[in-house]
C-alpha atoms as a PDB file:
ATOM      1  CA  UNK A   1      -6.458  63.671 115.084  1.00  0.00           C
ATOM      2  CA  UNK A   2      -8.984  64.923 117.244  1.00  0.00           C
ATOM      3  CA  UNK A   3      -9.783  60.957 118.757  1.00  0.00           C
ATOM      4  CA  UNK A   4      -6.436  59.962 119.588  1.00  0.00           C
ATOM      5  CA  UNK A   5      -4.971  63.808 120.632  1.00  0.00           C
ATOM      6  CA  UNK A   6      -8.071  65.375 122.525  1.00  0.00           C
ATOM      7  CA  UNK A   7      -7.202  68.077 124.015  1.00  0.00           C
ATOM      8  CA  UNK A   8      -3.495  70.382 122.457  1.00  0.00           C
ATOM      9  CA  UNK A   9      -1.826  73.157 122.449  1.00  0.00           C
ATOM     10  CA  UNK A  10       0.101  75.788 119.856  1.00  0.00           C
ATOM     11  CA  UNK A  11       3.857  75.496 121.191  1.00  0.00           C
ATOM     12  CA  UNK A  12       5.844  77.709 117.871  1.00  0.00           C
ATOM     13  CA  UNK A  13       5.799  78.049 113.992  1.00  0.00           C
ATOM     14  CA  UNK A  14       9.082  78.022 112.055  1.00  0.00           C
ATOM     15  CA  UNK A  15       9.841  78.411 108.485  1.00  0.00           C
ATOM     16  CA  UNK A  16       8.134  74.589 107.527  1.00  0.00           C
ATOM     17  CA  UNK A  17       6.688  73.456 110.106  1.00  0.00           C
ATOM     18  CA  UNK A  18       4.479  73.947 113.893  1.00  0.00           C
ATOM     19  CA  UNK A  19       5.125  72.512 117.122  1.00  0.00           C
ATOM     20  CA  UNK A  20       2.130  71.429 119.399  1.00  0.00           C
ATOM     21  CA  UNK A  21       1.995  70.075 123.435  1.00  0.00           C
ATOM     22  CA  UNK A  22      -0.764  67.607 122.495  1.00  0.00           C
ATOM     23  CA  UNK A  23      -2.217  64.591 125.492  1.00  0.00           C
ATOM     24  CA  UNK A  24      -1.724  60.964 123.504  1.00  0.00           C
ATOM     25  CA  UNK A  25      -5.495  59.528 124.810  1.00  0.00           C
ATOM     26  CA  UNK A  26      -3.465  56.030 123.564  1.00  0.00           C
ATOM     27  CA  UNK A  27      -0.437  56.406 125.629  1.00  0.00           C
ATOM     28  CA  UNK A  28      -2.217  58.682 128.510  1.00  0.00           C
ATOM     29  CA  UNK A  29       0.706  61.044 127.934  1.00  0.00           C
ATOM     30  CA  UNK A  30       1.480  64.336 126.977  1.00  0.00           C
ATOM     31  CA  UNK A  31       3.966  64.641 123.942  1.00  0.00           C
ATOM     32  CA  UNK A  32       5.331  66.921 121.560  1.00  0.00           C
ATOM     33  CA  UNK A  33       4.259  66.894 117.667  1.00  0.00           C
ATOM     34  CA  UNK A  34       5.940  68.730 114.335  1.00  0.00           C
ATOM     35  CA  UNK A  35       3.717  68.568 111.899  1.00  0.00           C
ATOM     36  CA  UNK A  36       5.112  69.411 108.195  1.00  0.00           C
ATOM     37  CA  UNK A  37       3.004  70.778 105.275  1.00  0.00           C
ATOM     38  CA  UNK A  38       4.426  68.654 102.643  1.00  0.00           C
ATOM     39  CA  UNK A  39       2.585  70.229  99.832  1.00  0.00           C
ATOM     40  CA  UNK A  40       3.999  73.975 100.997  1.00  0.00           C
ATOM     41  CA  UNK A  41       7.657  72.534 100.993  1.00  0.00           C
ATOM     42  CA  UNK A  42       7.339  71.017  97.921  1.00  0.00           C
ATOM     43  CA  UNK A  43       6.397  74.434  96.006  1.00  0.00           C
ATOM     44  CA  UNK A  44       9.690  75.469  97.504  1.00  0.00           C
ATOM     45  CA  UNK A  45      11.711  73.023  95.903  1.00  0.00           C
ATOM     46  CA  UNK A  46      12.936  71.430  99.730  1.00  0.00           C
ATOM     47  CA  UNK A  47      10.848  68.572  99.355  1.00  0.00           C
ATOM     48  CA  UNK A  48      14.679  66.860 101.040  1.00  0.00           C
ATOM     49  CA  UNK A  49      14.208  68.742 104.227  1.00  0.00           C
ATOM     50  CA  UNK A  50      10.741  66.242 105.506  1.00  0.00           C
ATOM     51  CA  UNK A  51      13.260  62.742 104.622  1.00  0.00           C
ATOM     52  CA  UNK A  52      16.497  64.545 105.948  1.00  0.00           C
ATOM     53  CA  UNK A  53      14.978  65.831 109.297  1.00  0.00           C
ATOM     54  CA  UNK A  54      13.203  62.318 109.724  1.00  0.00           C
ATOM     55  CA  UNK A  55      16.482  60.395 109.203  1.00  0.00           C
ATOM     56  CA  UNK A  56      18.506  62.519 111.928  1.00  0.00           C
ATOM     57  CA  UNK A  57      15.443  62.383 114.048  1.00  0.00           C
ATOM     58  CA  UNK A  58      15.331  58.713 113.725  1.00  0.00           C
ATOM     59  CA  UNK A  59      19.186  58.085 114.390  1.00  0.00           C
ATOM     60  CA  UNK A  60      19.689  60.521 117.400  1.00  0.00           C
ATOM     61  CA  UNK A  61      16.835  58.800 118.577  1.00  0.00           C
ATOM     62  CA  UNK A  62      18.585  55.687 118.649  1.00  0.00           C
ATOM     63  CA  UNK A  63      21.294  57.252 121.149  1.00  0.00           C
ATOM     64  CA  UNK A  64      18.724  58.243 123.752  1.00  0.00           C
ATOM     65  CA  UNK A  65      17.429  54.746 123.719  1.00  0.00           C
ATOM     66  CA  UNK A  66      21.090  52.999 123.694  1.00  0.00           C
ATOM     67  CA  UNK A  67      21.987  55.365 126.507  1.00  0.00           C
ATOM     68  CA  UNK A  68      24.133  56.873 124.234  1.00  0.00           C
ATOM     69  CA  UNK A  69      23.625  60.173 125.235  1.00  0.00           C
ATOM     70  CA  UNK A  70      20.568  61.137 126.625  1.00  0.00           C
ATOM     71  CA  UNK A  71      20.747  65.099 125.045  1.00  0.00           C
ATOM     72  CA  UNK A  72      18.795  64.998 122.119  1.00  0.00           C
ATOM     73  CA  UNK A  73      14.822  64.863 121.584  1.00  0.00           C
ATOM     74  CA  UNK A  74      13.234  61.823 121.108  1.00  0.00           C
ATOM     75  CA  UNK A  75      10.921  60.860 118.643  1.00  0.00           C
ATOM     76  CA  UNK A  76       8.389  58.520 119.544  1.00  0.00           C
ATOM     77  CA  UNK A  77       6.290  58.091 115.856  1.00  0.00           C
ATOM     78  CA  UNK A  78       5.916  59.611 113.151  1.00  0.00           C
ATOM     79  CA  UNK A  79       2.257  59.171 110.948  1.00  0.00           C
ATOM     80  CA  UNK A  80       0.653  61.037 107.900  1.00  0.00           C
ATOM     81  CA  UNK A  81      -2.580  62.504 107.643  1.00  0.00           C
ATOM     82  CA  UNK A  82      -4.476  64.047 104.392  1.00  0.00           C
ATOM     83  CA  UNK A  83      -5.473  66.670 107.506  1.00  0.00           C
ATOM     84  CA  UNK A  84      -3.448  69.985 108.832  1.00  0.00           C
ATOM     85  CA  UNK A  85      -4.236  70.176 112.930  1.00  0.00           C
ATOM     86  CA  UNK A  86      -7.807  71.776 113.371  1.00  0.00           C
ATOM     87  CA  UNK A  87      -6.919  75.288 114.730  1.00  0.00           C
ATOM     88  CA  UNK A  88      -9.955  75.174 117.120  1.00  0.00           C
ATOM     89  CA  UNK A  89      -8.701  71.800 118.553  1.00  0.00           C
ATOM     90  CA  UNK A  90      -5.266  72.284 118.299  1.00  0.00           C
ATOM     91  CA  UNK A  91      -4.089  76.314 118.755  1.00  0.00           C
ATOM     92  CA  UNK A  92      -2.901  78.805 116.677  1.00  0.00           C
ATOM     93  CA  UNK A  93      -0.508  81.756 117.192  1.00  0.00           C
ATOM     94  CA  UNK A  94      -3.805  84.121 117.885  1.00  0.00           C
ATOM     95  CA  UNK A  95      -5.774  81.459 120.392  1.00  0.00           C
ATOM     96  CA  UNK A  96      -2.943  79.048 121.961  1.00  0.00           C
ATOM     97  CA  UNK A  97      -5.329  77.043 123.925  1.00  0.00           C
ATOM     98  CA  UNK A  98      -9.022  76.712 122.591  1.00  0.00           C
ATOM     99  CA  UNK A  99      -9.311  73.708 125.066  1.00  0.00           C
ATOM    100  CA  UNK A 100      -8.335  75.268 128.381  1.00  0.00           C
ATOM    101  CA  UNK A 101      -4.913  74.466 129.691  1.00  0.00           C
ATOM    102  CA  UNK A 102      -4.721  71.140 130.401  1.00  0.00           C
ATOM    103  CA  UNK A 103      -6.828  67.684 129.191  1.00  0.00           C
ATOM    104  CA  UNK A 104     -10.076  66.793 131.371  1.00  0.00           C
ATOM    105  CA  UNK A 105     -11.783  63.976 130.443  1.00  0.00           C
ATOM    106  CA  UNK A 106     -14.841  65.219 128.858  1.00  0.00           C
ATOM    107  CA  UNK A 107     -17.260  62.094 130.296  1.00  0.00           C
ATOM    108  CA  UNK A 108     -19.315  61.743 126.533  1.00  0.00           C
ATOM    109  CA  UNK A 109     -17.498  60.653 123.460  1.00  0.00           C
ATOM    110  CA  UNK A 110     -17.583  63.949 120.960  1.00  0.00           C
ATOM    111  CA  UNK A 111     -18.439  63.469 117.740  1.00  0.00           C
ATOM    112  CA  UNK A 112     -15.690  65.575 114.597  1.00  0.00           C
ATOM    113  CA  UNK A 113     -16.627  66.678 111.420  1.00  0.00           C
ATOM    114  CA  UNK A 114     -13.967  65.376 108.636  1.00  0.00           C
ATOM    115  CA  UNK A 115     -12.908  68.873 107.010  1.00  0.00           C
ATOM    116  CA  UNK A 116     -13.505  69.422 103.503  1.00  0.00           C
ATOM    117  CA  UNK A 117      -9.919  70.769 102.231  1.00  0.00           C
ATOM    118  CA  UNK A 118      -7.346  68.104 102.218  1.00  0.00           C
ATOM    119  CA  UNK A 119      -3.360  68.211 101.783  1.00  0.00           C
ATOM    120  CA  UNK A 120      -0.651  66.002 102.961  1.00  0.00           C
ATOM    121  CA  UNK A 121       0.920  66.418 106.567  1.00  0.00           C
ATOM    122  CA  UNK A 122       3.663  64.633 108.049  1.00  0.00           C
ATOM    123  CA  UNK A 123       3.002  64.125 112.006  1.00  0.00           C
ATOM    124  CA  UNK A 124       6.536  64.084 114.267  1.00  0.00           C
ATOM    125  CA  UNK A 125       5.727  62.354 117.571  1.00  0.00           C
ATOM    126  CA  UNK A 126       8.057  63.771 120.297  1.00  0.00           C
ATOM    127  CA  UNK A 127       9.033  63.549 124.020  1.00  0.00           C
ATOM    128  CA  UNK A 128       7.703  66.778 125.910  1.00  0.00           C
ATOM    129  CA  UNK A 129      10.086  69.218 127.616  1.00  0.00           C
ATOM    130  CA  UNK A 130       8.328  70.341 130.263  1.00  0.00           C
ATOM    131  CA  UNK A 131      10.396  73.720 130.949  1.00  0.00           C
ATOM    132  CA  UNK A 132      10.163  74.840 126.707  1.00  0.00           C
ATOM    133  CA  UNK A 133      13.380  75.791 124.520  1.00  0.00           C
ATOM    134  CA  UNK A 134      16.264  77.537 126.572  1.00  0.00           C
ATOM    135  CA  UNK A 135      15.214  80.850 125.364  1.00  0.00           C
ATOM    136  CA  UNK A 136      11.486  80.817 126.541  1.00  0.00           C
ATOM    137  CA  UNK A 137      13.453  78.988 129.635  1.00  0.00           C
ATOM    138  CA  UNK A 138      15.840  82.143 130.484  1.00  0.00           C
ATOM    139  CA  UNK A 139      13.388  84.548 130.190  1.00  0.00           C
ATOM    140  CA  UNK A 140      11.267  83.024 132.888  1.00  0.00           C
ATOM    141  CA  UNK A 141      14.331  83.526 135.371  1.00  0.00           C
ATOM    142  CA  UNK A 142      14.829  86.287 137.694  1.00  0.00           C
ATOM    143  CA  UNK A 143      16.611  88.672 135.716  1.00  0.00           C
ATOM    144  CA  UNK A 144      16.970  86.257 132.682  1.00  0.00           C
ATOM    145  CA  UNK A 145      20.229  84.982 133.659  1.00  0.00           C
ATOM    146  CA  UNK A 146      21.466  81.620 134.898  1.00  0.00           C
ATOM    147  CA  UNK A 147      23.569  80.497 137.669  1.00  0.00           C
ATOM    148  CA  UNK A 148      27.353  79.993 136.550  1.00  0.00           C
ATOM    149  CA  UNK A 149      26.674  76.338 137.654  1.00  0.00           C
ATOM    150  CA  UNK A 150      23.388  76.025 135.729  1.00  0.00           C
ATOM    151  CA  UNK A 151      25.230  77.732 132.008  1.00  0.00           C
ATOM    152  CA  UNK A 152      28.035  75.844 132.247  1.00  0.00           C
ATOM    153  CA  UNK A 153      26.128  72.363 132.610  1.00  0.00           C
ATOM    154  CA  UNK A 154      23.752  73.048 129.565  1.00  0.00           C
ATOM    155  CA  UNK A 155      26.865  74.040 127.371  1.00  0.00           C
ATOM    156  CA  UNK A 156      28.289  71.041 128.452  1.00  0.00           C
ATOM    157  CA  UNK A 157      25.854  69.077 127.432  1.00  0.00           C
ATOM    158  CA  UNK A 158      25.004  70.973 124.341  1.00  0.00           C
ATOM    159  CA  UNK A 159      28.538  70.278 123.312  1.00  0.00           C
ATOM    160  CA  UNK A 160      28.128  66.714 124.665  1.00  0.00           C
ATOM    161  CA  UNK A 161      25.051  66.175 121.884  1.00  0.00           C
ATOM    162  CA  UNK A 162      27.376  67.458 119.371  1.00  0.00           C
ATOM    163  CA  UNK A 163      30.187  65.480 119.902  1.00  0.00           C
ATOM    164  CA  UNK A 164      28.059  62.150 119.778  1.00  0.00           C
ATOM    165  CA  UNK A 165      26.220  63.114 116.697  1.00  0.00           C
ATOM    166  CA  UNK A 166      29.605  63.528 114.673  1.00  0.00           C
ATOM    167  CA  UNK A 167      31.127  60.430 115.898  1.00  0.00           C
ATOM    168  CA  UNK A 168      28.430  58.318 115.675  1.00  0.00           C
ATOM    169  CA  UNK A 169      27.216  59.955 112.631  1.00  0.00           C
ATOM    170  CA  UNK A 170      29.504  62.152 111.080  1.00  0.00           C
ATOM    171  CA  UNK A 171      26.828  64.780 112.050  1.00  0.00           C
ATOM    172  CA  UNK A 172      27.020  68.551 111.852  1.00  0.00           C
ATOM    173  CA  UNK A 173      23.505  70.187 112.945  1.00  0.00           C
ATOM    174  CA  UNK A 174      24.152  73.840 111.699  1.00  0.00           C
ATOM    175  CA  UNK A 175      21.912  75.580 113.417  1.00  0.00           C
ATOM    176  CA  UNK A 176      22.817  75.346 117.419  1.00  0.00           C
ATOM    177  CA  UNK A 177      21.089  78.219 119.456  1.00  0.00           C
ATOM    178  CA  UNK A 178      18.693  78.858 122.254  1.00  0.00           C
ATOM    179  CA  UNK A 179      15.694  77.951 120.260  1.00  0.00           C
ATOM    180  CA  UNK A 180      16.881  74.637 119.199  1.00  0.00           C
ATOM    181  CA  UNK A 181      17.876  73.768 122.876  1.00  0.00           C
ATOM    182  CA  UNK A 182      15.110  72.174 124.924  1.00  0.00           C
ATOM    183  CA  UNK A 183      15.243  71.596 128.528  1.00  0.00           C
ATOM    184  CA  UNK A 184      13.533  68.685 130.611  1.00  0.00           C
ATOM    185  CA  UNK A 185      14.085  68.487 134.685  1.00  0.00           C
ATOM    186  CA  UNK A 186      15.816  65.414 136.317  1.00  0.00           C
ATOM    187  CA  UNK A 187      12.457  63.378 137.506  1.00  0.00           C
ATOM    188  CA  UNK A 188      14.013  62.380 140.445  1.00  0.00           C
ATOM    189  CA  UNK A 189      11.827  61.706 143.956  1.00  0.00           C
ATOM    190  CA  UNK A 190      15.426  62.311 145.740  1.00  0.00           C
ATOM    191  CA  UNK A 191      16.365  66.176 147.693  1.00  0.00           C
ATOM    192  CA  UNK A 192      19.401  67.795 147.798  1.00  0.00           C
ATOM    193  CA  UNK A 193      22.418  67.148 145.123  1.00  0.00           C
ATOM    194  CA  UNK A 194      21.928  65.805 141.469  1.00  0.00           C
ATOM    195  CA  UNK A 195      24.450  64.259 139.590  1.00  0.00           C
ATOM    196  CA  UNK A 196      24.016  63.779 136.439  1.00  0.00           C
ATOM    197  CA  UNK A 197      27.435  61.307 134.950  1.00  0.00           C
ATOM    198  CA  UNK A 198      28.883  61.141 131.241  1.00  0.00           C
ATOM    199  CA  UNK A 199      31.692  59.064 130.417  1.00  0.00           C
ATOM    200  CA  UNK A 200      34.081  60.368 127.535  1.00  0.00           C
ATOM    201  CA  UNK A 201      37.224  57.293 126.934  1.00  0.00           C
ATOM    202  CA  UNK A 202      38.822  56.778 129.829  1.00  0.00           C
ATOM    203  CA  UNK A 203      36.955  60.130 131.972  1.00  0.00           C
ATOM    204  CA  UNK A 204      34.110  60.655 133.748  1.00  0.00           C
ATOM    205  CA  UNK A 205      32.453  64.005 133.767  1.00  0.00           C
ATOM    206  CA  UNK A 206      29.796  64.549 137.013  1.00  0.00           C
ATOM    207  CA  UNK A 207      27.496  67.448 136.630  1.00  0.00           C
ATOM    208  CA  UNK A 208      26.506  68.554 139.721  1.00  0.00           C
ATOM    209  CA  UNK A 209      23.732  70.414 140.914  1.00  0.00           C
ATOM    210  CA  UNK A 210      21.222  71.217 143.353  1.00  0.00           C
ATOM    211  CA  UNK A 211      17.710  69.589 142.651  1.00  0.00           C
ATOM    212  CA  UNK A 212      16.060  72.885 141.688  1.00  0.00           C
ATOM    213  CA  UNK A 213      17.798  73.867 139.084  1.00  0.00           C
ATOM    214  CA  UNK A 214      18.874  70.463 137.741  1.00  0.00           C
ATOM    215  CA  UNK A 215      17.891  69.734 133.899  1.00  0.00           C
ATOM    216  CA  UNK A 216      19.146  67.507 131.207  1.00  0.00           C
ATOM    217  CA  UNK A 217      19.523  70.183 128.101  1.00  0.00           C
ATOM    218  CA  UNK A 218      17.902  68.841 124.451  1.00  0.00           C
ATOM    219  CA  UNK A 219      19.013  69.157 121.013  1.00  0.00           C
ATOM    220  CA  UNK A 220      16.433  69.509 118.442  1.00  0.00           C
ATOM    221  CA  UNK A 221      15.969  70.577 115.000  1.00  0.00           C
ATOM    222  CA  UNK A 222      17.605  69.048 112.566  1.00  0.00           C
ATOM    223  CA  UNK A 223      16.373  70.280 108.947  1.00  0.00           C
ATOM    224  CA  UNK A 224      19.907  71.899 108.090  1.00  0.00           C
ATOM    225  CA  UNK A 225      21.510  69.019 109.662  1.00  0.00           C
ATOM    226  CA  UNK A 226      24.294  67.491 107.342  1.00  0.00           C
ATOM    227  CA  UNK A 227      25.605  63.698 107.770  1.00  0.00           C
ATOM    228  CA  UNK A 228      27.901  63.805 104.921  1.00  0.00           C
ATOM    229  CA  UNK A 229      31.047  61.922 106.050  1.00  0.00           C
ATOM    230  CA  UNK A 230      32.725  63.699 102.696  1.00  0.00           C
ATOM    231  CA  UNK A 231      31.834  67.071 104.876  1.00  0.00           C
ATOM    232  CA  UNK A 232      33.980  66.554 107.399  1.00  0.00           C
ATOM    233  CA  UNK A 233      36.725  68.768 107.969  1.00  0.00           C
ATOM    234  CA  UNK A 234      34.900  71.437 105.011  1.00  0.00           C
ATOM    235  CA  UNK A 235      35.361  74.857 105.502  1.00  0.00           C
ATOM    236  CA  UNK A 236      32.393  76.297 106.681  1.00  0.00           C
ATOM    237  CA  UNK A 237      30.888  78.677 103.592  1.00  0.00           C
ATOM    238  CA  UNK A 238      27.817  81.322 104.333  1.00  0.00           C
ATOM    239  CA  UNK A 239      25.769  78.713 103.657  1.00  0.00           C
ATOM    240  CA  UNK A 240      25.960  77.233 106.830  1.00  0.00           C
ATOM    241  CA  UNK A 241      24.147  80.700 108.382  1.00  0.00           C
ATOM    242  CA  UNK A 242      21.085  81.745 109.119  1.00  0.00           C
END
Protein backbone atom coordinates (compact mmCIF):
# COMPACT_ATOMS: atom_id res chain seq x y z
CA UNK A 1 0.00 0.00 0.00
CA UNK A 2 2.61 2.52 1.05
CA UNK A 3 4.85 1.90 -1.98
CA UNK A 4 2.04 2.04 -4.57
CA UNK A 5 0.34 4.97 -2.83
CA UNK A 6 3.20 6.98 -1.25
CA UNK A 7 0.92 9.92 -0.43
CA UNK A 8 -2.69 10.03 0.74
CA UNK A 9 -5.13 12.15 2.69
CA UNK A 10 -8.44 11.40 4.39
CA UNK A 11 -11.58 12.71 2.64
CA UNK A 12 -14.68 11.27 4.27
CA UNK A 13 -16.20 8.42 6.24
CA UNK A 14 -19.54 6.64 5.91
CA UNK A 15 -21.37 3.75 7.54
CA UNK A 16 -19.34 1.07 5.77
CA UNK A 17 -16.34 2.78 4.21
CA UNK A 18 -13.73 5.49 4.26
CA UNK A 19 -12.63 7.52 1.23
CA UNK A 20 -9.15 8.87 0.58
CA UNK A 21 -7.37 10.95 -2.01
CA UNK A 22 -4.14 9.19 -3.03
CA UNK A 23 -1.22 9.52 -5.41
CA UNK A 24 -0.83 6.37 -7.49
CA UNK A 25 2.90 5.96 -8.16
CA UNK A 26 2.34 3.25 -10.80
CA UNK A 27 0.09 5.40 -13.01
CA UNK A 28 1.48 8.78 -11.85
CA UNK A 29 -1.97 10.22 -11.16
CA UNK A 30 -4.09 11.29 -8.22
CA UNK A 31 -7.11 9.08 -7.53
CA UNK A 32 -9.85 8.51 -4.99
CA UNK A 33 -9.85 5.22 -3.09
CA UNK A 34 -12.73 3.88 -1.01
CA UNK A 35 -11.94 1.25 1.61
CA UNK A 36 -14.48 -1.18 3.06
CA UNK A 37 -13.87 -3.24 6.22
CA UNK A 38 -15.33 -6.54 5.04
CA UNK A 39 -15.23 -8.18 8.49
CA UNK A 40 -17.12 -5.27 10.06
CA UNK A 41 -19.74 -5.35 7.32
CA UNK A 42 -20.15 -9.11 7.72
CA UNK A 43 -20.64 -8.73 11.47
CA UNK A 44 -23.64 -6.46 10.83
CA UNK A 45 -25.17 -8.90 8.36
CA UNK A 46 -24.75 -6.56 5.39
CA UNK A 47 -22.31 -8.54 3.23
CA UNK A 48 -24.55 -7.97 0.23
CA UNK A 49 -23.49 -4.31 0.33
CA UNK A 50 -19.93 -5.18 -0.72
CA UNK A 51 -20.85 -7.11 -3.83
CA UNK A 52 -23.82 -4.93 -4.76
CA UNK A 53 -21.94 -1.64 -4.70
CA UNK A 54 -19.01 -3.08 -6.66
CA UNK A 55 -21.29 -4.61 -9.31
CA UNK A 56 -23.22 -1.37 -9.81
CA UNK A 57 -19.98 0.67 -9.91
CA UNK A 58 -18.63 -1.50 -12.72
CA UNK A 59 -21.88 -1.29 -14.71
CA UNK A 60 -22.14 2.49 -14.45
CA UNK A 61 -18.44 2.96 -15.18
CA UNK A 62 -19.04 1.19 -18.49
CA UNK A 63 -21.46 3.98 -19.43
CA UNK A 64 -18.71 6.54 -18.79
CA UNK A 65 -16.09 4.65 -20.82
CA UNK A 66 -18.47 4.07 -23.74
CA UNK A 67 -19.49 7.72 -23.89
CA UNK A 68 -23.12 6.99 -23.03
CA UNK A 69 -23.17 9.16 -19.89
CA UNK A 70 -20.23 10.91 -18.20
CA UNK A 71 -22.13 11.62 -14.99
CA UNK A 72 -20.93 8.73 -12.81
CA UNK A 73 -17.72 8.43 -10.80
CA UNK A 74 -15.74 5.90 -12.85
CA UNK A 75 -14.16 2.86 -11.16
CA UNK A 76 -10.57 2.19 -12.26
CA UNK A 77 -9.77 -0.96 -10.36
CA UNK A 78 -10.49 -3.14 -7.34
CA UNK A 79 -8.22 -5.11 -5.05
CA UNK A 80 -8.39 -6.74 -1.62
CA UNK A 81 -5.79 -6.44 1.11
CA UNK A 82 -5.36 -7.89 4.62
CA UNK A 83 -4.35 -4.47 5.96
CA UNK A 84 -6.33 -1.31 6.53
CA UNK A 85 -4.89 2.06 5.48
CA UNK A 86 -2.38 3.21 8.11
CA UNK A 87 -3.67 6.38 9.77
CA UNK A 88 -0.17 7.82 10.13
CA UNK A 89 0.26 7.54 6.34
CA UNK A 90 -3.24 7.87 4.81
CA UNK A 91 -4.75 10.14 7.44
CA UNK A 92 -7.86 10.06 9.62
CA UNK A 93 -10.61 12.36 10.88
CA UNK A 94 -8.29 14.00 13.45
CA UNK A 95 -5.29 14.33 11.10
CA UNK A 96 -6.39 14.34 7.47
CA UNK A 97 -3.03 15.09 5.83
CA UNK A 98 -0.18 13.49 7.79
CA UNK A 99 2.04 13.46 4.65
CA UNK A 100 1.49 17.10 3.74
CA UNK A 101 -0.80 18.76 1.22
CA UNK A 102 0.56 17.06 -1.91
CA UNK A 103 2.92 14.31 -3.03
CA UNK A 104 6.61 15.12 -3.21
CA UNK A 105 9.18 12.51 -4.18
CA UNK A 106 11.28 11.60 -1.11
CA UNK A 107 14.37 10.95 -3.23
CA UNK A 108 15.05 7.69 -1.40
CA UNK A 109 13.02 4.50 -1.09
CA UNK A 110 11.11 4.41 2.18
CA UNK A 111 10.84 1.14 4.08
CA UNK A 112 7.54 0.34 5.80
CA UNK A 113 6.92 -2.25 8.50
CA UNK A 114 4.09 -4.71 7.91
CA UNK A 115 1.29 -4.26 10.48
CA UNK A 116 0.64 -7.12 12.88
CA UNK A 117 -3.14 -6.87 12.77
CA UNK A 118 -4.79 -8.43 9.74
CA UNK A 119 -8.33 -8.31 8.41
CA UNK A 120 -10.21 -8.17 5.13
CA UNK A 121 -10.41 -4.88 3.30
CA UNK A 122 -11.73 -4.08 -0.15
CA UNK A 123 -10.14 -1.16 -1.99
CA UNK A 124 -11.89 0.50 -4.95
CA UNK A 125 -9.82 2.87 -7.09
CA UNK A 126 -11.89 5.67 -8.66
CA UNK A 127 -11.41 8.82 -10.67
CA UNK A 128 -10.80 11.88 -8.52
CA UNK A 129 -13.27 14.76 -8.74
CA UNK A 130 -11.22 17.86 -8.04
CA UNK A 131 -14.09 19.96 -6.62
CA UNK A 132 -15.19 17.31 -4.11
CA UNK A 133 -18.80 16.66 -3.21
CA UNK A 134 -21.58 19.11 -4.01
CA UNK A 135 -22.23 19.97 -0.36
CA UNK A 136 -18.64 21.09 0.27
CA UNK A 137 -18.57 22.84 -3.11
CA UNK A 138 -21.69 24.79 -2.17
CA UNK A 139 -20.21 25.84 1.16
CA UNK A 140 -17.19 27.34 -0.63
CA UNK A 141 -19.30 29.58 -2.87
CA UNK A 142 -20.05 33.23 -2.03
CA UNK A 143 -23.06 33.28 0.31
CA UNK A 144 -23.16 29.48 -0.11
CA UNK A 145 -25.26 29.76 -3.27
CA UNK A 146 -24.92 28.94 -6.97
CA UNK A 147 -25.91 30.97 -9.97
CA UNK A 148 -29.27 29.86 -11.46
CA UNK A 149 -27.43 28.65 -14.58
CA UNK A 150 -24.96 26.46 -12.67
CA UNK A 151 -27.68 25.08 -10.38
CA UNK A 152 -29.84 24.09 -13.38
CA UNK A 153 -26.90 22.42 -15.12
CA UNK A 154 -25.93 20.34 -12.10
CA UNK A 155 -29.56 19.30 -11.61
CA UNK A 156 -29.85 18.38 -15.30
CA UNK A 157 -26.71 16.23 -15.19
CA UNK A 158 -27.82 14.35 -12.07
CA UNK A 159 -31.24 13.80 -13.64
CA UNK A 160 -29.65 12.54 -16.87
CA UNK A 161 -27.47 10.13 -14.86
CA UNK A 162 -30.54 8.73 -13.10
CA UNK A 163 -32.33 8.39 -16.44
CA UNK A 164 -29.39 6.62 -18.10
CA UNK A 165 -28.94 4.23 -15.16
CA UNK A 166 -32.63 3.38 -15.14
CA UNK A 167 -32.81 2.99 -18.91
CA UNK A 168 -29.73 0.74 -19.23
CA UNK A 169 -29.84 -1.23 -15.97
CA UNK A 170 -33.25 -0.54 -14.34
CA UNK A 171 -31.31 1.12 -11.53
CA UNK A 172 -32.94 3.01 -8.68
CA UNK A 173 -30.35 4.89 -6.62
CA UNK A 174 -32.36 5.52 -3.40
CA UNK A 175 -29.71 7.78 -1.85
CA UNK A 176 -29.49 10.93 -3.98
CA UNK A 177 -28.13 13.83 -1.94
CA UNK A 178 -25.45 16.51 -2.21
CA UNK A 179 -22.87 14.32 -0.46
CA UNK A 180 -23.26 11.67 -3.18
CA UNK A 181 -22.82 14.06 -6.09
CA UNK A 182 -19.22 14.92 -6.98
CA UNK A 183 -18.06 17.77 -9.20
CA UNK A 184 -15.20 17.89 -11.65
CA UNK A 185 -13.95 20.92 -13.55
CA UNK A 186 -14.22 20.68 -17.33
CA UNK A 187 -10.69 20.24 -18.65
CA UNK A 188 -10.40 22.57 -21.64
CA UNK A 189 -7.59 24.92 -22.71
CA UNK A 190 -10.07 27.21 -24.43
CA UNK A 191 -11.42 30.41 -22.94
CA UNK A 192 -14.93 31.71 -23.08
CA UNK A 193 -18.11 29.66 -23.16
CA UNK A 194 -18.15 25.91 -22.46
CA UNK A 195 -20.87 23.79 -24.08
CA UNK A 196 -21.81 20.29 -22.86
CA UNK A 197 -24.13 18.48 -25.27
CA UNK A 198 -26.50 15.66 -24.33
CA UNK A 199 -28.58 13.59 -26.69
CA UNK A 200 -31.89 12.00 -25.73
CA UNK A 201 -33.78 10.37 -28.58
CA UNK A 202 -34.09 12.98 -31.31
CA UNK A 203 -33.45 15.83 -28.89
CA UNK A 204 -30.13 17.55 -28.18
CA UNK A 205 -29.62 19.57 -25.00
CA UNK A 206 -26.78 22.10 -24.91
CA UNK A 207 -25.58 23.19 -21.48
CA UNK A 208 -23.80 26.51 -21.90
CA UNK A 209 -21.79 28.14 -19.14
CA UNK A 210 -18.75 30.40 -18.69
CA UNK A 211 -15.53 28.46 -18.21
CA UNK A 212 -15.25 29.38 -14.52
CA UNK A 213 -18.63 27.73 -13.81
CA UNK A 214 -18.28 24.68 -16.08
CA UNK A 215 -18.39 21.47 -14.03
CA UNK A 216 -19.37 17.86 -14.66
CA UNK A 217 -21.61 16.42 -11.93
CA UNK A 218 -20.97 12.76 -11.14
CA UNK A 219 -23.26 10.51 -9.14
CA UNK A 220 -21.65 8.08 -6.67
CA UNK A 221 -22.29 5.76 -3.69
CA UNK A 222 -24.40 2.83 -4.87
CA UNK A 223 -24.68 0.88 -1.63
CA UNK A 224 -28.48 1.23 -1.53
CA UNK A 225 -29.04 0.96 -5.29
CA UNK A 226 -31.51 -1.55 -6.70
CA UNK A 227 -31.20 -3.08 -10.19
CA UNK A 228 -34.01 -5.62 -9.82
CA UNK A 229 -36.19 -5.32 -12.92
CA UNK A 230 -39.21 -6.60 -10.97
CA UNK A 231 -39.06 -3.57 -8.67
CA UNK A 232 -39.79 -1.12 -11.49
CA UNK A 233 -42.97 0.81 -10.84
CA UNK A 234 -43.34 -0.33 -7.24
CA UNK A 235 -44.35 2.15 -4.58
CA UNK A 236 -41.68 3.88 -2.55
CA UNK A 237 -41.69 2.66 1.07
CA UNK A 238 -40.09 3.82 4.30
CA UNK A 239 -37.15 1.50 3.52
CA UNK A 240 -36.08 3.91 0.76
CA UNK A 241 -35.62 6.82 3.19
CA UNK A 242 -32.35 7.36 5.09
